[in-house]
Amino acid sequence: MIYESVGLDQPLKQGDIFRDVPRVDLSLTELAVLEDDACRQTTWTEVIADTSKRDGLAAVLPIKPVMGVVMTQNCDAVRGEFVSLCQVELFSKVVSTPPATPKKWKDLIVQHSREHLRYFYLPEAPAFGIADRMAADLRVLLRLRRADLEAMRRNRIGRLNQVGTEHFRENLAQYFRRYPYDEWYPLTREEFEEYQKKSPEPVEPFPWQR
């Protein structure tokens, strides 16, 4: 499979997979802050308007354990103050209806790898504690102090092998440098009319295509 075991003494690397990483969710409109041993509801706008709170404050925040993959490059994962991970979700949450045959799974996995850069597919591997097909969601980032993550090394269930790491690295690069554009913009009016016939959704022509 695309995973490999990692010894407790090995340094953090991009592609390391951790279980039970803390995910903290913050609401800027419903913030519970602690003041004088009491908790009150406020908003982030109100907090930053109070100059006395500029040095920070204590708040009550929801936190839950999730699986995560290290995104930070190796040099920073070894020496940087913080390490970033992306959350791992069940692949069944990504696809509406899971396929029933190996052929359909093959088609779906290849298609997702090409078209949905925000997800990185992680195959099932019970030996590594990955009991089902999973997907790393590059939109959901988790930031931890490197020293804290190093203290959680027993939660590191493995890492991507060389092929998986290289693909993961390129997937990250493509996702964060991608440029959203309408692919039909350079077409002539006649070419656009042909494109429009085959488009699964209505598309609007640019002024030079009208």
Protein backbone atom coordinates (compact mmCIF):
# COMPACT_ATOMS: atom_id res chain seq x y z
CA MET A 1 0.00 0.00 0.00
CA ILE A 2 1.07 3.66 -0.19
CA TYR A 3 1.96 3.92 3.51
CA GLU A 4 5.09 3.08 5.48
CA SER A 5 5.80 2.64 9.17
CA VAL A 6 7.59 5.35 11.16
CA GLY A 7 9.75 4.86 14.25
CA LEU A 8 9.15 6.98 17.33
CA ASP A 9 12.63 8.47 16.99
CA GLN A 10 12.15 9.61 13.39
CA PRO A 11 11.63 13.36 12.80
CA LEU A 12 8.42 14.90 11.52
CA LYS A 13 8.04 14.87 7.75
CA GLN A 14 5.53 15.96 5.18
CA GLY A 15 3.05 13.13 4.66
CA ASP A 16 3.08 11.98 8.29
CA ILE A 17 -0.39 10.81 9.33
CA PHE A 18 -1.62 11.46 12.88
CA ARG A 19 -4.73 10.30 14.69
CA ASP A 20 -6.57 12.33 17.35
CA VAL A 21 -5.18 15.73 16.33
CA PRO A 22 -7.11 18.53 18.08
CA ARG A 23 -9.32 20.62 15.83
CA VAL A 24 -10.53 23.89 17.35
CA ASP A 25 -13.52 25.67 15.80
CA LEU A 26 -13.85 29.41 16.33
CA SER A 27 -16.96 31.49 15.70
CA LEU A 28 -16.35 35.23 15.32
CA THR A 29 -20.02 36.03 15.96
CA GLU A 30 -20.62 33.75 18.95
CA LEU A 31 -17.58 33.91 21.18
CA ALA A 32 -17.65 32.75 24.81
CA VAL A 33 -14.96 34.61 26.77
CA LEU A 34 -13.89 34.15 30.38
CA GLU A 35 -13.69 37.22 32.59
CA ASP A 36 -13.49 37.27 36.40
CA ASP A 37 -14.31 33.56 36.62
CA ALA A 38 -17.48 34.11 34.58
CA CYS A 39 -18.32 33.30 30.97
CA ARG A 40 -20.06 35.81 28.70
CA GLN A 41 -21.11 35.78 25.06
CA THR A 42 -19.61 38.38 22.75
CA THR A 43 -18.28 38.83 19.22
CA TRP A 44 -14.76 39.18 17.91
CA THR A 45 -15.62 42.69 16.69
CA GLU A 46 -16.46 43.72 20.24
CA VAL A 47 -13.32 42.08 21.59
CA ILE A 48 -10.90 43.91 19.30
CA ALA A 49 -12.73 47.20 19.92
CA ASP A 50 -11.61 46.92 23.55
CA THR A 51 -7.96 47.98 23.56
CA SER A 52 -7.42 46.35 26.94
CA LYS A 53 -7.93 42.95 25.24
CA ARG A 54 -5.20 43.47 22.65
CA ASP A 55 -2.79 41.28 24.59
CA GLY A 56 -5.21 38.36 24.44
CA LEU A 57 -8.01 36.83 26.47
CA ALA A 58 -9.34 33.44 27.55
CA ALA A 59 -12.22 31.86 25.64
CA VAL A 60 -14.24 28.64 25.62
CA LEU A 61 -13.93 26.89 22.26
CA PRO A 62 -15.22 23.56 20.91
CA ILE A 63 -12.45 21.03 20.28
CA LYS A 64 -12.56 17.53 18.81
CA PRO A 65 -10.02 14.87 17.78
CA VAL A 66 -9.55 14.31 14.05
CA MET A 67 -7.08 12.57 11.74
CA GLY A 68 -4.58 14.80 9.95
CA VAL A 69 -1.72 14.71 7.43
CA VAL A 70 1.33 16.96 7.78
CA MET A 71 1.44 19.54 4.97
CA THR A 72 4.51 21.49 6.12
CA GLN A 73 7.69 20.84 4.13
CA ASN A 74 10.37 18.72 5.76
CA CYS A 75 12.82 21.51 6.60
CA ASP A 76 10.14 23.53 8.40
CA ALA A 77 8.63 20.44 10.02
CA VAL A 78 12.00 19.83 11.70
CA ARG A 79 12.87 23.39 12.73
CA GLY A 80 9.80 25.63 12.44
CA GLU A 81 7.77 26.78 15.42
CA PHE A 82 4.47 25.59 13.91
CA VAL A 83 3.42 22.65 11.75
CA SER A 84 0.32 22.63 9.53
CA LEU A 85 -1.81 19.57 8.85
CA CYS A 86 -4.93 19.06 6.77
CA GLN A 87 -7.88 17.14 8.15
CA VAL A 88 -8.70 13.63 6.91
CA GLU A 89 -12.34 12.70 6.34
CA LEU A 90 -14.13 9.56 5.23
CA PHE A 91 -14.11 9.35 1.44
CA SER A 92 -17.81 8.45 1.61
CA LYS A 93 -18.44 12.07 2.68
CA VAL A 94 -16.78 13.27 -0.51
CA VAL A 95 -18.75 11.11 -2.94
CA SER A 96 -22.53 11.00 -2.92
CA THR A 97 -22.87 7.31 -3.81
CA PRO A 98 -19.86 5.01 -3.32
CA PRO A 99 -19.30 2.64 -6.28
CA ALA A 100 -20.11 -1.06 -6.04
CA THR A 101 -17.41 -2.56 -8.26
CA PRO A 102 -13.59 -2.28 -8.53
CA LYS A 103 -13.93 -0.86 -12.06
CA LYS A 104 -16.20 1.95 -10.87
CA TRP A 105 -13.93 2.61 -7.89
CA LYS A 106 -10.99 2.86 -10.28
CA ASP A 107 -12.83 5.36 -12.48
CA LEU A 108 -13.93 7.44 -9.50
CA ILE A 109 -10.51 7.56 -7.81
CA VAL A 110 -8.71 8.53 -11.01
CA GLN A 111 -11.34 11.15 -11.84
CA HIS A 112 -11.13 12.71 -8.37
CA SER A 113 -7.35 12.86 -8.53
CA ARG A 114 -7.56 14.78 -11.80
CA GLU A 115 -10.50 17.08 -11.17
CA HIS A 116 -10.83 17.65 -7.41
CA LEU A 117 -7.50 19.01 -6.21
CA ARG A 118 -8.89 19.94 -2.80
CA TYR A 119 -9.03 16.25 -1.86
CA PHE A 120 -6.14 13.80 -1.65
CA TYR A 121 -7.28 10.18 -1.74
CA LEU A 122 -6.04 7.84 1.00
CA PRO A 123 -6.78 4.14 0.43
CA GLU A 124 -7.94 1.80 3.16
CA ALA A 125 -5.16 0.18 5.24
CA PRO A 126 -6.33 -1.48 8.48
CA ALA A 127 -2.74 -2.34 9.43
CA PHE A 128 -2.08 1.40 9.77
CA GLY A 129 -5.33 2.18 11.54
CA ILE A 130 -7.04 3.43 8.38
CA ALA A 131 -10.15 1.26 8.42
CA ASP A 132 -11.89 2.82 5.42
CA ARG A 133 -11.22 4.85 2.29
CA MET A 134 -10.31 8.40 3.37
CA ALA A 135 -9.59 11.79 1.82
CA ALA A 136 -7.34 14.59 3.06
CA ASP A 137 -9.27 17.87 2.69
CA LEU A 138 -6.76 20.60 1.82
CA ARG A 139 -9.30 23.29 2.75
CA VAL A 140 -9.39 22.31 6.44
CA LEU A 141 -6.09 23.31 8.03
CA LEU A 142 -4.89 22.46 11.52
CA ARG A 143 -1.98 24.34 13.11
CA LEU A 144 0.00 22.98 16.04
CA ARG A 145 3.26 23.88 17.70
CA ARG A 146 5.97 21.60 16.42
CA ALA A 147 7.02 20.66 19.98
CA ASP A 148 3.43 19.67 20.81
CA LEU A 149 3.12 17.51 17.69
CA GLU A 150 6.46 15.87 18.44
CA ALA A 151 5.11 15.01 21.89
CA MET A 152 2.25 13.18 20.10
CA ARG A 153 4.54 10.85 18.15
CA ARG A 154 2.72 7.81 19.51
CA ASN A 155 -0.32 9.12 17.61
CA ARG A 156 1.59 8.98 14.33
CA ILE A 157 0.18 5.92 12.60
CA GLY A 158 2.52 6.09 9.60
CA ARG A 159 3.41 8.24 6.63
CA LEU A 160 2.96 8.30 2.89
CA ASN A 161 5.66 6.38 1.03
CA GLN A 162 7.89 8.10 -1.53
CA VAL A 163 5.40 7.84 -4.40
CA GLY A 164 2.50 9.01 -2.21
CA THR A 165 4.54 11.88 -0.72
CA GLU A 166 5.62 13.15 -4.13
CA HIS A 167 2.02 13.07 -5.35
CA PHE A 168 0.80 14.76 -2.15
CA ARG A 169 3.42 17.51 -2.52
CA GLU A 170 2.44 18.15 -6.12
CA ASN A 171 -1.25 18.07 -5.21
CA LEU A 172 -0.62 20.75 -2.56
CA ALA A 173 1.30 22.88 -5.05
CA GLN A 174 -1.39 22.64 -7.70
CA TYR A 175 -4.19 23.35 -5.23
CA PHE A 176 -2.64 26.48 -3.76
CA ARG A 177 -1.34 27.94 -7.02
CA ARG A 178 -4.41 27.15 -9.12
CA TYR A 179 -5.97 30.03 -11.04
CA PRO A 180 -9.75 29.93 -11.50
CA TYR A 181 -10.68 30.81 -15.05
CA ASP A 182 -13.41 30.19 -17.57
CA GLU A 183 -11.79 27.78 -20.01
CA TRP A 184 -13.83 29.02 -22.98
CA TYR A 185 -12.54 32.62 -22.85
CA PRO A 186 -10.07 32.34 -25.81
CA LEU A 187 -12.61 30.77 -28.18
CA THR A 188 -14.03 32.55 -31.20
CA ARG A 189 -17.77 33.15 -31.37
CA GLU A 190 -18.22 30.10 -33.57
CA GLU A 191 -16.06 27.94 -31.30
CA PHE A 192 -17.92 29.18 -28.24
CA GLU A 193 -21.26 28.23 -29.81
CA GLU A 194 -19.98 24.68 -30.26
CA TYR A 195 -18.64 24.65 -26.71
CA GLN A 196 -21.99 25.83 -25.39
CA LYS A 197 -23.80 22.92 -27.07
CA LYS A 198 -21.75 20.36 -25.13
CA SER A 199 -21.52 22.20 -21.80
CA PRO A 200 -23.42 20.39 -18.98
CA GLU A 201 -24.25 23.79 -17.44
CA PRO A 202 -25.23 27.14 -19.02
CA VAL A 203 -22.18 29.33 -19.70
CA GLU A 204 -22.07 33.03 -20.47
CA PRO A 205 -20.08 34.29 -23.44
CA PHE A 206 -17.49 37.03 -23.07
CA PRO A 207 -18.20 40.32 -24.91
CA TRP A 208 -15.94 39.31 -27.82
CA GLN A 209 -17.92 36.08 -28.26
CA ARG A 210 -21.34 37.70 -28.65
